[in-house]
Amino acid sequence: ITYSMVIIMGFLMIGMLSIMLPRADVAAQRIDEVLKTESSIADPSTEVCRDDELAAHTGGAEIAFNDVSFRYPGSQDCVLEHVDFTAKPGQTTAIIGSTGSGKSTVIKLVERFADVSEGSITIDGIDIRDLSLHALRGQLGYVPQKAFLFSGTVEENVDYAMDEGFKTEISQGGTNVSGGQRQRLAIARALATDARAFLFDDSFSALDYKTDAALRHALAEQLGGKTQIIVAQRISTVLHADQIVVLDEGRVVGCGTHAELMDACEPYREIALSQLSEEELEEGDAQ
């Protein structure tokens, strides 16, 4: 009986191997295919690379969108059409609009997660396609829409010298902290870099209004000479920005201060009045 059981178990193992080996072969082929795939976003050749020119600039970075249009590969419809604005050093440029208007796409194009279909994006007058990804992203402090944290301590996530109390363990993805804490840690991680421009992709949405206001006040003090581009859904977040760009279905329908847009841009006025009363908007504008 014992010998029979050994033989039967041997055949069962052979049967399992005959099932697992083809699966493993297919999985290995897929992994190899991914590893061999060349990225569509590549560094420029050494002949046209302008990293040295960018390195000569100090202070805040001037980021300009020059008649930019963008569509995803294989799509006929543009996500962004003829977007044109400049984010200047020492100023806060806010981008607001309805869901699906292309706000986050603007930030992703600056980071060069995709290349523009038409027009150009420049940083200090240099087309970002003429810069290596390392040089470009070294200039930018980026906080994504969905803040992701790595397993480890708070200090390891931010990688910055901090006071006692930052030894708290963080689980993978930040699942053991709240949404607001996750966003604040992601913002701290961006601020810990020596960037010249900071991109906040709806990074204050999980913060309460008091924390939001305190954070924006601190950013204004600490990043006075740096460039800030803020994508937001809440009017209160962009109320005091130096420049507000209003997007509607991928097009710029307004650009100016809060007061200017309230007078001249109906889409902005509709968004503002849907969130705050006229009295609150007037009080915020006065402040």
C-alpha atoms as a PDB file:
ATOM      1  CA  ILE A   1       0.000   0.000   0.000  1.00  0.00           C
ATOM      2  CA  THR A   2       2.847   2.370   0.874  1.00  0.00           C
ATOM      3  CA  TYR A   3       4.646   1.715  -2.426  1.00  0.00           C
ATOM      4  CA  SER A   4       1.361   2.245  -4.297  1.00  0.00           C
ATOM      5  CA  MET A   5       0.795   5.599  -2.569  1.00  0.00           C
ATOM      6  CA  VAL A   6       4.347   6.737  -3.431  1.00  0.00           C
ATOM      7  CA  ILE A   7       3.770   5.827  -7.090  1.00  0.00           C
ATOM      8  CA  ILE A   8       0.365   7.541  -7.161  1.00  0.00           C
ATOM      9  CA  MET A   9       1.798  10.719  -5.584  1.00  0.00           C
ATOM     10  CA  GLY A  10       4.568  10.692  -8.169  1.00  0.00           C
ATOM     11  CA  PHE A  11       2.024  10.599 -11.001  1.00  0.00           C
ATOM     12  CA  LEU A  12       0.003  13.364  -9.333  1.00  0.00           C
ATOM     13  CA  MET A  13       3.136  15.547  -9.209  1.00  0.00           C
ATOM     14  CA  ILE A  14       3.817  14.840 -12.889  1.00  0.00           C
ATOM     15  CA  GLY A  15       0.230  15.847 -13.665  1.00  0.00           C
ATOM     16  CA  MET A  16       0.610  19.121 -11.747  1.00  0.00           C
ATOM     17  CA  LEU A  17       3.882  19.862 -13.528  1.00  0.00           C
ATOM     18  CA  SER A  18       2.253  19.255 -16.915  1.00  0.00           C
ATOM     19  CA  ILE A  19      -0.287  21.963 -16.015  1.00  0.00           C
ATOM     20  CA  MET A  20       2.100  24.481 -14.421  1.00  0.00           C
ATOM     21  CA  LEU A  21       4.928  24.351 -16.970  1.00  0.00           C
ATOM     22  CA  PRO A  22       2.872  25.666 -19.946  1.00  0.00           C
ATOM     23  CA  ARG A  23       1.484  28.437 -17.724  1.00  0.00           C
ATOM     24  CA  ALA A  24       4.961  29.370 -16.580  1.00  0.00           C
ATOM     25  CA  ASP A  25       6.185  29.403 -20.184  1.00  0.00           C
ATOM     26  CA  VAL A  26       3.408  31.784 -21.272  1.00  0.00           C
ATOM     27  CA  ALA A  27       4.023  34.050 -18.256  1.00  0.00           C
ATOM     28  CA  ALA A  28       7.769  34.127 -18.995  1.00  0.00           C
ATOM     29  CA  GLN A  29       7.099  35.110 -22.606  1.00  0.00           C
ATOM     30  CA  ARG A  30       4.862  37.967 -21.480  1.00  0.00           C
ATOM     31  CA  ILE A  31       7.453  39.224 -18.985  1.00  0.00           C
ATOM     32  CA  ASP A  32      10.161  39.047 -21.644  1.00  0.00           C
ATOM     33  CA  GLU A  33       7.916  40.979 -24.048  1.00  0.00           C
ATOM     34  CA  VAL A  34       7.465  43.758 -21.481  1.00  0.00           C
ATOM     35  CA  LEU A  35      11.183  43.907 -20.696  1.00  0.00           C
ATOM     36  CA  LYS A  36      12.068  44.180 -24.382  1.00  0.00           C
ATOM     37  CA  THR A  37       9.504  46.890 -25.115  1.00  0.00           C
ATOM     38  CA  GLU A  38      11.124  50.249 -25.799  1.00  0.00           C
ATOM     39  CA  SER A  39       9.547  53.289 -24.161  1.00  0.00           C
ATOM     40  CA  SER A  40       7.817  55.736 -26.497  1.00  0.00           C
ATOM     41  CA  ILE A  41       9.226  58.556 -24.339  1.00  0.00           C
ATOM     42  CA  ALA A  42      12.970  58.556 -24.937  1.00  0.00           C
ATOM     43  CA  ASP A  43      15.856  60.867 -24.104  1.00  0.00           C
ATOM     44  CA  PRO A  44      17.047  63.111 -26.950  1.00  0.00           C
ATOM     45  CA  SER A  45      20.265  62.350 -28.788  1.00  0.00           C
ATOM     46  CA  THR A  46      23.451  63.899 -27.436  1.00  0.00           C
ATOM     47  CA  GLU A  47      23.547  66.291 -30.418  1.00  0.00           C
ATOM     48  CA  VAL A  48      20.289  68.029 -29.471  1.00  0.00           C
ATOM     49  CA  CYS A  49      20.300  67.482 -25.691  1.00  0.00           C
ATOM     50  CA  ARG A  50      20.184  70.817 -23.812  1.00  0.00           C
ATOM     51  CA  ASP A  51      20.644  69.641 -20.235  1.00  0.00           C
ATOM     52  CA  ASP A  52      23.618  71.967 -19.724  1.00  0.00           C
ATOM     53  CA  GLU A  53      21.544  75.012 -20.652  1.00  0.00           C
ATOM     54  CA  LEU A  54      18.869  74.052 -18.152  1.00  0.00           C
ATOM     55  CA  ALA A  55      21.432  73.458 -15.399  1.00  0.00           C
ATOM     56  CA  ALA A  56      22.614  77.068 -15.772  1.00  0.00           C
ATOM     57  CA  HIS A  57      19.202  78.387 -14.648  1.00  0.00           C
ATOM     58  CA  THR A  58      18.518  78.976 -10.956  1.00  0.00           C
ATOM     59  CA  GLY A  59      15.482  80.033  -8.939  1.00  0.00           C
ATOM     60  CA  GLY A  60      11.979  79.201 -10.090  1.00  0.00           C
ATOM     61  CA  ALA A  61      11.357  77.647 -13.486  1.00  0.00           C
ATOM     62  CA  GLU A  62       9.192  79.290 -16.146  1.00  0.00           C
ATOM     63  CA  ILE A  63       6.899  76.651 -17.663  1.00  0.00           C
ATOM     64  CA  ALA A  64       5.073  77.612 -20.852  1.00  0.00           C
ATOM     65  CA  PHE A  65       2.418  75.831 -22.908  1.00  0.00           C
ATOM     66  CA  ASN A  66       2.641  77.024 -26.490  1.00  0.00           C
ATOM     67  CA  ASP A  67      -0.528  76.188 -28.467  1.00  0.00           C
ATOM     68  CA  VAL A  68      -0.480  72.630 -27.086  1.00  0.00           C
ATOM     69  CA  SER A  69      -2.841  69.946 -28.358  1.00  0.00           C
ATOM     70  CA  PHE A  70      -2.776  66.334 -27.215  1.00  0.00           C
ATOM     71  CA  ARG A  71      -4.555  63.160 -28.213  1.00  0.00           C
ATOM     72  CA  TYR A  72      -3.904  59.616 -27.109  1.00  0.00           C
ATOM     73  CA  PRO A  73      -2.415  57.226 -29.699  1.00  0.00           C
ATOM     74  CA  GLY A  74      -5.110  55.801 -31.941  1.00  0.00           C
ATOM     75  CA  SER A  75      -7.686  58.396 -30.909  1.00  0.00           C
ATOM     76  CA  GLN A  76      -9.191  60.992 -33.209  1.00  0.00           C
ATOM     77  CA  ASP A  77     -10.392  63.287 -30.431  1.00  0.00           C
ATOM     78  CA  CYS A  78      -8.084  65.720 -28.654  1.00  0.00           C
ATOM     79  CA  VAL A  79      -7.925  65.681 -24.861  1.00  0.00           C
ATOM     80  CA  LEU A  80      -6.386  69.173 -24.971  1.00  0.00           C
ATOM     81  CA  GLU A  81      -6.724  71.693 -27.796  1.00  0.00           C
ATOM     82  CA  HIS A  82      -4.650  74.859 -28.326  1.00  0.00           C
ATOM     83  CA  VAL A  83      -3.748  75.277 -24.653  1.00  0.00           C
ATOM     84  CA  ASP A  84      -1.633  78.364 -24.179  1.00  0.00           C
ATOM     85  CA  PHE A  85      -0.435  79.815 -20.838  1.00  0.00           C
ATOM     86  CA  THR A  86       2.750  80.499 -18.873  1.00  0.00           C
ATOM     87  CA  ALA A  87       3.474  79.583 -15.243  1.00  0.00           C
ATOM     88  CA  LYS A  88       5.999  82.122 -14.000  1.00  0.00           C
ATOM     89  CA  PRO A  89       8.548  81.819 -11.165  1.00  0.00           C
ATOM     90  CA  GLY A  90       7.351  83.068  -7.804  1.00  0.00           C
ATOM     91  CA  GLN A  91       3.705  82.718  -8.814  1.00  0.00           C
ATOM     92  CA  THR A  92       0.976  80.153  -8.281  1.00  0.00           C
ATOM     93  CA  THR A  93      -0.850  78.999 -11.385  1.00  0.00           C
ATOM     94  CA  ALA A  94      -4.063  77.107 -10.697  1.00  0.00           C
ATOM     95  CA  ILE A  95      -5.903  74.905 -13.180  1.00  0.00           C
ATOM     96  CA  ILE A  96      -9.585  74.275 -12.635  1.00  0.00           C
ATOM     97  CA  GLY A  97     -12.421  72.806 -14.657  1.00  0.00           C
ATOM     98  CA  SER A  98     -15.102  70.177 -14.720  1.00  0.00           C
ATOM     99  CA  THR A  99     -14.359  66.446 -14.554  1.00  0.00           C
ATOM    100  CA  GLY A 100     -12.735  65.231 -17.775  1.00  0.00           C
ATOM    101  CA  SER A 101     -11.655  68.692 -18.912  1.00  0.00           C
ATOM    102  CA  GLY A 102      -7.978  67.669 -19.115  1.00  0.00           C
ATOM    103  CA  LYS A 103      -6.583  69.172 -15.909  1.00  0.00           C
ATOM    104  CA  SER A 104      -4.454  66.175 -14.878  1.00  0.00           C
ATOM    105  CA  THR A 105      -3.278  65.730 -18.474  1.00  0.00           C
ATOM    106  CA  VAL A 106      -1.653  69.172 -18.285  1.00  0.00           C
ATOM    107  CA  ILE A 107       0.469  68.041 -15.322  1.00  0.00           C
ATOM    108  CA  LYS A 108       1.357  64.725 -16.973  1.00  0.00           C
ATOM    109  CA  LEU A 109       2.541  66.501 -20.114  1.00  0.00           C
ATOM    110  CA  VAL A 110       4.842  68.739 -18.044  1.00  0.00           C
ATOM    111  CA  GLU A 111       6.346  65.623 -16.452  1.00  0.00           C
ATOM    112  CA  ARG A 112       6.565  64.155 -19.962  1.00  0.00           C
ATOM    113  CA  PHE A 113       4.611  61.032 -19.175  1.00  0.00           C
ATOM    114  CA  ALA A 114       3.402  61.605 -22.741  1.00  0.00           C
ATOM    115  CA  ASP A 115       4.496  63.900 -25.571  1.00  0.00           C
ATOM    116  CA  VAL A 116       2.326  66.649 -27.015  1.00  0.00           C
ATOM    117  CA  SER A 117       0.648  65.997 -30.371  1.00  0.00           C
ATOM    118  CA  GLU A 118       0.986  69.617 -31.484  1.00  0.00           C
ATOM    119  CA  GLY A 119       2.693  72.697 -30.105  1.00  0.00           C
ATOM    120  CA  SER A 120       5.372  72.604 -27.432  1.00  0.00           C
ATOM    121  CA  ILE A 121       5.991  72.823 -23.696  1.00  0.00           C
ATOM    122  CA  THR A 122       9.082  74.730 -22.603  1.00  0.00           C
ATOM    123  CA  ILE A 123      10.879  75.133 -19.309  1.00  0.00           C
ATOM    124  CA  ASP A 124      12.984  78.292 -19.196  1.00  0.00           C
ATOM    125  CA  GLY A 125      12.521  78.560 -22.957  1.00  0.00           C
ATOM    126  CA  ILE A 126      13.837  75.035 -23.633  1.00  0.00           C
ATOM    127  CA  ASP A 127      11.550  72.463 -25.251  1.00  0.00           C
ATOM    128  CA  ILE A 128      11.182  69.629 -22.747  1.00  0.00           C
ATOM    129  CA  ARG A 129      11.679  67.113 -25.591  1.00  0.00           C
ATOM    130  CA  ASP A 130      15.257  68.417 -25.850  1.00  0.00           C
ATOM    131  CA  LEU A 131      15.955  67.462 -22.224  1.00  0.00           C
ATOM    132  CA  SER A 132      16.763  64.097 -20.709  1.00  0.00           C
ATOM    133  CA  LEU A 133      14.043  62.721 -18.437  1.00  0.00           C
ATOM    134  CA  HIS A 134      16.464  62.764 -15.514  1.00  0.00           C
ATOM    135  CA  ALA A 135      17.277  66.454 -15.986  1.00  0.00           C
ATOM    136  CA  LEU A 136      13.646  67.454 -16.570  1.00  0.00           C
ATOM    137  CA  ARG A 137      12.145  65.589 -13.633  1.00  0.00           C
ATOM    138  CA  GLY A 138      14.966  66.741 -11.391  1.00  0.00           C
ATOM    139  CA  GLN A 139      13.549  70.251 -11.814  1.00  0.00           C
ATOM    140  CA  LEU A 140      10.035  69.221 -10.775  1.00  0.00           C
ATOM    141  CA  GLY A 141       8.456  68.252  -7.479  1.00  0.00           C
ATOM    142  CA  TYR A 142       5.406  66.188  -8.400  1.00  0.00           C
ATOM    143  CA  VAL A 143       2.479  65.147  -6.195  1.00  0.00           C
ATOM    144  CA  PRO A 144       0.168  62.755  -8.122  1.00  0.00           C
ATOM    145  CA  GLN A 145      -3.600  62.718  -7.873  1.00  0.00           C
ATOM    146  CA  LYS A 146      -3.494  59.359  -6.113  1.00  0.00           C
ATOM    147  CA  ALA A 147      -0.835  59.607  -3.427  1.00  0.00           C
ATOM    148  CA  PHE A 148       1.123  56.354  -3.193  1.00  0.00           C
ATOM    149  CA  LEU A 149       3.331  55.503  -0.229  1.00  0.00           C
ATOM    150  CA  PHE A 150       5.949  52.778   0.038  1.00  0.00           C
ATOM    151  CA  SER A 151       6.251  50.344   2.918  1.00  0.00           C
ATOM    152  CA  GLY A 152       8.678  51.615   5.521  1.00  0.00           C
ATOM    153  CA  THR A 153       8.763  54.569   7.891  1.00  0.00           C
ATOM    154  CA  VAL A 154       7.495  58.101   7.303  1.00  0.00           C
ATOM    155  CA  GLU A 155      11.103  59.268   7.224  1.00  0.00           C
ATOM    156  CA  GLU A 156      12.011  56.710   4.575  1.00  0.00           C
ATOM    157  CA  ASN A 157       9.047  57.777   2.453  1.00  0.00           C
ATOM    158  CA  VAL A 158      10.078  61.405   2.579  1.00  0.00           C
ATOM    159  CA  ASP A 159      13.821  60.645   2.673  1.00  0.00           C
ATOM    160  CA  TYR A 160      14.510  63.818   4.572  1.00  0.00           C
ATOM    161  CA  ALA A 161      15.945  64.738   7.979  1.00  0.00           C
ATOM    162  CA  MET A 162      12.986  65.024  10.361  1.00  0.00           C
ATOM    163  CA  ASP A 163      12.172  65.424  14.016  1.00  0.00           C
ATOM    164  CA  GLU A 164      11.428  62.610  16.434  1.00  0.00           C
ATOM    165  CA  GLY A 165       8.110  60.911  15.792  1.00  0.00           C
ATOM    166  CA  PHE A 166       8.609  60.129  12.120  1.00  0.00           C
ATOM    167  CA  LYS A 167       9.589  56.507  12.724  1.00  0.00           C
ATOM    168  CA  THR A 168       5.988  55.364  12.268  1.00  0.00           C
ATOM    169  CA  GLU A 169       5.753  52.327  10.025  1.00  0.00           C
ATOM    170  CA  ILE A 170       3.793  52.765   6.786  1.00  0.00           C
ATOM    171  CA  SER A 171       2.267  49.779   5.016  1.00  0.00           C
ATOM    172  CA  GLN A 172       2.573  49.321   1.253  1.00  0.00           C
ATOM    173  CA  GLY A 173       0.384  51.882  -0.498  1.00  0.00           C
ATOM    174  CA  GLY A 174      -0.189  53.754   2.771  1.00  0.00           C
ATOM    175  CA  THR A 175      -3.231  51.660   3.689  1.00  0.00           C
ATOM    176  CA  ASN A 176      -2.726  52.243   7.436  1.00  0.00           C
ATOM    177  CA  VAL A 177      -3.047  56.041   7.212  1.00  0.00           C
ATOM    178  CA  SER A 178      -5.987  58.234   6.261  1.00  0.00           C
ATOM    179  CA  GLY A 179      -6.424  59.868   2.845  1.00  0.00           C
ATOM    180  CA  GLY A 180      -5.474  63.276   4.214  1.00  0.00           C
ATOM    181  CA  GLN A 181      -2.350  61.908   5.915  1.00  0.00           C
ATOM    182  CA  ARG A 182      -1.403  60.112   2.722  1.00  0.00           C
ATOM    183  CA  GLN A 183      -1.715  63.329   0.733  1.00  0.00           C
ATOM    184  CA  ARG A 184       0.313  65.320   3.262  1.00  0.00           C
ATOM    185  CA  LEU A 185       3.098  62.740   3.204  1.00  0.00           C
ATOM    186  CA  ALA A 186       3.140  62.795  -0.604  1.00  0.00           C
ATOM    187  CA  ILE A 187       3.341  66.611  -0.535  1.00  0.00           C
ATOM    188  CA  ALA A 188       6.180  66.451   2.009  1.00  0.00           C
ATOM    189  CA  ARG A 189       8.021  63.995  -0.237  1.00  0.00           C
ATOM    190  CA  ALA A 190       7.826  66.452  -3.143  1.00  0.00           C
ATOM    191  CA  LEU A 191       8.883  69.418  -0.990  1.00  0.00           C
ATOM    192  CA  ALA A 192      11.917  67.469   0.262  1.00  0.00           C
ATOM    193  CA  THR A 193      13.404  67.622  -3.249  1.00  0.00           C
ATOM    194  CA  ASP A 194      15.509  70.481  -4.563  1.00  0.00           C
ATOM    195  CA  ALA A 195      12.996  71.231  -7.298  1.00  0.00           C
ATOM    196  CA  ARG A 196      12.457  74.581  -9.024  1.00  0.00           C
ATOM    197  CA  ALA A 197       8.794  73.964  -9.857  1.00  0.00           C
ATOM    198  CA  PHE A 198       6.122  72.038  -7.957  1.00  0.00           C
ATOM    199  CA  LEU A 199       3.152  70.304  -9.574  1.00  0.00           C
ATOM    200  CA  PHE A 200       0.169  69.457  -7.382  1.00  0.00           C
ATOM    201  CA  ASP A 201      -2.388  67.266  -9.150  1.00  0.00           C
ATOM    202  CA  ASP A 202      -5.534  67.700  -7.041  1.00  0.00           C
ATOM    203  CA  SER A 203      -3.345  67.023  -4.000  1.00  0.00           C
ATOM    204  CA  PHE A 204      -5.495  68.846  -1.434  1.00  0.00           C
ATOM    205  CA  SER A 205      -8.837  67.117  -2.072  1.00  0.00           C
ATOM    206  CA  ALA A 206      -8.681  64.913   1.051  1.00  0.00           C
ATOM    207  CA  LEU A 207      -7.685  67.775   3.374  1.00  0.00           C
ATOM    208  CA  ASP A 208     -10.196  69.638   5.492  1.00  0.00           C
ATOM    209  CA  TYR A 209     -10.592  73.344   4.731  1.00  0.00           C
ATOM    210  CA  LYS A 210      -8.552  74.465   7.755  1.00  0.00           C
ATOM    211  CA  THR A 211      -5.600  72.210   6.912  1.00  0.00           C
ATOM    212  CA  ASP A 212      -5.892  73.169   3.234  1.00  0.00           C
ATOM    213  CA  ALA A 213      -5.678  76.887   4.084  1.00  0.00           C
ATOM    214  CA  ALA A 214      -2.770  76.359   6.499  1.00  0.00           C
ATOM    215  CA  LEU A 215      -0.859  74.303   3.965  1.00  0.00           C
ATOM    216  CA  ARG A 216      -1.333  76.824   1.156  1.00  0.00           C
ATOM    217  CA  HIS A 217      -0.205  79.617   3.491  1.00  0.00           C
ATOM    218  CA  ALA A 218       2.949  77.640   4.371  1.00  0.00           C
ATOM    219  CA  LEU A 219       3.620  76.902   0.703  1.00  0.00           C
ATOM    220  CA  ALA A 220       3.351  80.598  -0.148  1.00  0.00           C
ATOM    221  CA  GLU A 221       5.936  81.409   2.535  1.00  0.00           C
ATOM    222  CA  GLN A 222       8.358  78.542   1.900  1.00  0.00           C
ATOM    223  CA  LEU A 223       8.161  78.441  -1.906  1.00  0.00           C
ATOM    224  CA  GLY A 224       8.080  82.167  -2.553  1.00  0.00           C
ATOM    225  CA  GLY A 225      10.543  82.072  -5.441  1.00  0.00           C
ATOM    226  CA  LYS A 226       9.477  78.731  -6.889  1.00  0.00           C
ATOM    227  CA  THR A 227       6.873  77.971  -9.548  1.00  0.00           C
ATOM    228  CA  GLN A 228       3.663  76.282  -8.430  1.00  0.00           C
ATOM    229  CA  ILE A 229       1.053  74.671 -10.672  1.00  0.00           C
ATOM    230  CA  ILE A 230      -2.006  73.467  -8.775  1.00  0.00           C
ATOM    231  CA  VAL A 231      -4.793  71.342 -10.247  1.00  0.00           C
ATOM    232  CA  ALA A 232      -7.854  71.555  -8.032  1.00  0.00           C
ATOM    233  CA  GLN A 233     -11.580  70.943  -7.877  1.00  0.00           C
ATOM    234  CA  ARG A 234     -12.268  73.265  -4.945  1.00  0.00           C
ATOM    235  CA  ILE A 235     -12.581  76.986  -5.541  1.00  0.00           C
ATOM    236  CA  SER A 236     -11.239  77.710  -2.060  1.00  0.00           C
ATOM    237  CA  THR A 237      -7.931  76.077  -3.039  1.00  0.00           C
ATOM    238  CA  VAL A 238      -7.362  78.320  -6.074  1.00  0.00           C
ATOM    239  CA  LEU A 239      -9.041  81.496  -4.834  1.00  0.00           C
ATOM    240  CA  HIS A 240      -5.810  83.379  -4.153  1.00  0.00           C
ATOM    241  CA  ALA A 241      -3.710  82.032  -7.024  1.00  0.00           C
ATOM    242  CA  ASP A 242      -1.830  84.601  -9.104  1.00  0.00           C
ATOM    243  CA  GLN A 243      -3.272  83.065 -12.252  1.00  0.00           C
ATOM    244  CA  ILE A 244      -6.192  80.687 -12.733  1.00  0.00           C
ATOM    245  CA  VAL A 245      -6.519  78.730 -15.978  1.00  0.00           C
ATOM    246  CA  VAL A 246     -10.054  77.472 -16.643  1.00  0.00           C
ATOM    247  CA  LEU A 247     -10.389  74.377 -18.838  1.00  0.00           C
ATOM    248  CA  ASP A 248     -13.595  73.225 -20.493  1.00  0.00           C
ATOM    249  CA  GLU A 249     -13.548  70.115 -22.698  1.00  0.00           C
ATOM    250  CA  GLY A 250      -9.804  70.450 -23.238  1.00  0.00           C
ATOM    251  CA  ARG A 251      -9.823  74.146 -24.166  1.00  0.00           C
ATOM    252  CA  VAL A 252      -8.791  77.211 -22.199  1.00  0.00           C
ATOM    253  CA  VAL A 253     -11.948  79.276 -21.735  1.00  0.00           C
ATOM    254  CA  GLY A 254     -10.540  81.729 -19.223  1.00  0.00           C
ATOM    255  CA  CYS A 255      -7.287  82.880 -17.672  1.00  0.00           C
ATOM    256  CA  GLY A 256      -6.804  85.484 -14.974  1.00  0.00           C
ATOM    257  CA  THR A 257      -7.316  86.181 -11.283  1.00  0.00           C
ATOM    258  CA  HIS A 258     -10.382  85.117  -9.345  1.00  0.00           C
ATOM    259  CA  ALA A 259     -11.949  88.578  -9.567  1.00  0.00           C
ATOM    260  CA  GLU A 260     -11.304  88.846 -13.305  1.00  0.00           C
ATOM    261  CA  LEU A 261     -12.779  85.414 -14.008  1.00  0.00           C
ATOM    262  CA  MET A 262     -15.859  86.046 -11.881  1.00  0.00           C
ATOM    263  CA  ASP A 263     -16.606  89.019 -14.113  1.00  0.00           C
ATOM    264  CA  ALA A 264     -15.616  87.631 -17.521  1.00  0.00           C
ATOM    265  CA  CYS A 265     -15.711  83.799 -17.455  1.00  0.00           C
ATOM    266  CA  GLU A 266     -19.128  82.189 -17.114  1.00  0.00           C
ATOM    267  CA  PRO A 267     -17.859  78.550 -16.709  1.00  0.00           C
ATOM    268  CA  TYR A 268     -15.641  79.662 -13.799  1.00  0.00           C
ATOM    269  CA  ARG A 269     -18.455  81.648 -12.243  1.00  0.00           C
ATOM    270  CA  GLU A 270     -20.750  78.604 -12.435  1.00  0.00           C
ATOM    271  CA  ILE A 271     -18.150  76.402 -10.712  1.00  0.00           C
ATOM    272  CA  ALA A 272     -17.542  79.038  -8.029  1.00  0.00           C
ATOM    273  CA  LEU A 273     -21.232  79.595  -7.256  1.00  0.00           C
ATOM    274  CA  SER A 274     -21.866  75.840  -7.131  1.00  0.00           C
ATOM    275  CA  GLN A 275     -19.399  75.561  -4.223  1.00  0.00           C
ATOM    276  CA  LEU A 276     -19.557  78.873  -2.348  1.00  0.00           C
ATOM    277  CA  SER A 277     -22.128  81.608  -1.895  1.00  0.00           C
ATOM    278  CA  GLU A 278     -21.594  85.065  -3.378  1.00  0.00           C
ATOM    279  CA  GLU A 279     -20.912  86.446   0.120  1.00  0.00           C
ATOM    280  CA  GLU A 280     -18.212  83.842   0.770  1.00  0.00           C
ATOM    281  CA  LEU A 281     -16.629  84.528  -2.618  1.00  0.00           C
ATOM    282  CA  GLU A 282     -16.606  88.266  -1.971  1.00  0.00           C
ATOM    283  CA  GLU A 283     -15.055  87.763   1.468  1.00  0.00           C
ATOM    284  CA  GLY A 284     -12.387  85.454   0.067  1.00  0.00           C
ATOM    285  CA  ASP A 285     -11.626  87.923  -2.717  1.00  0.00           C
ATOM    286  CA  ALA A 286     -11.277  90.754  -0.198  1.00  0.00           C
ATOM    287  CA  GLN A 287      -8.798  88.709   1.850  1.00  0.00           C
END
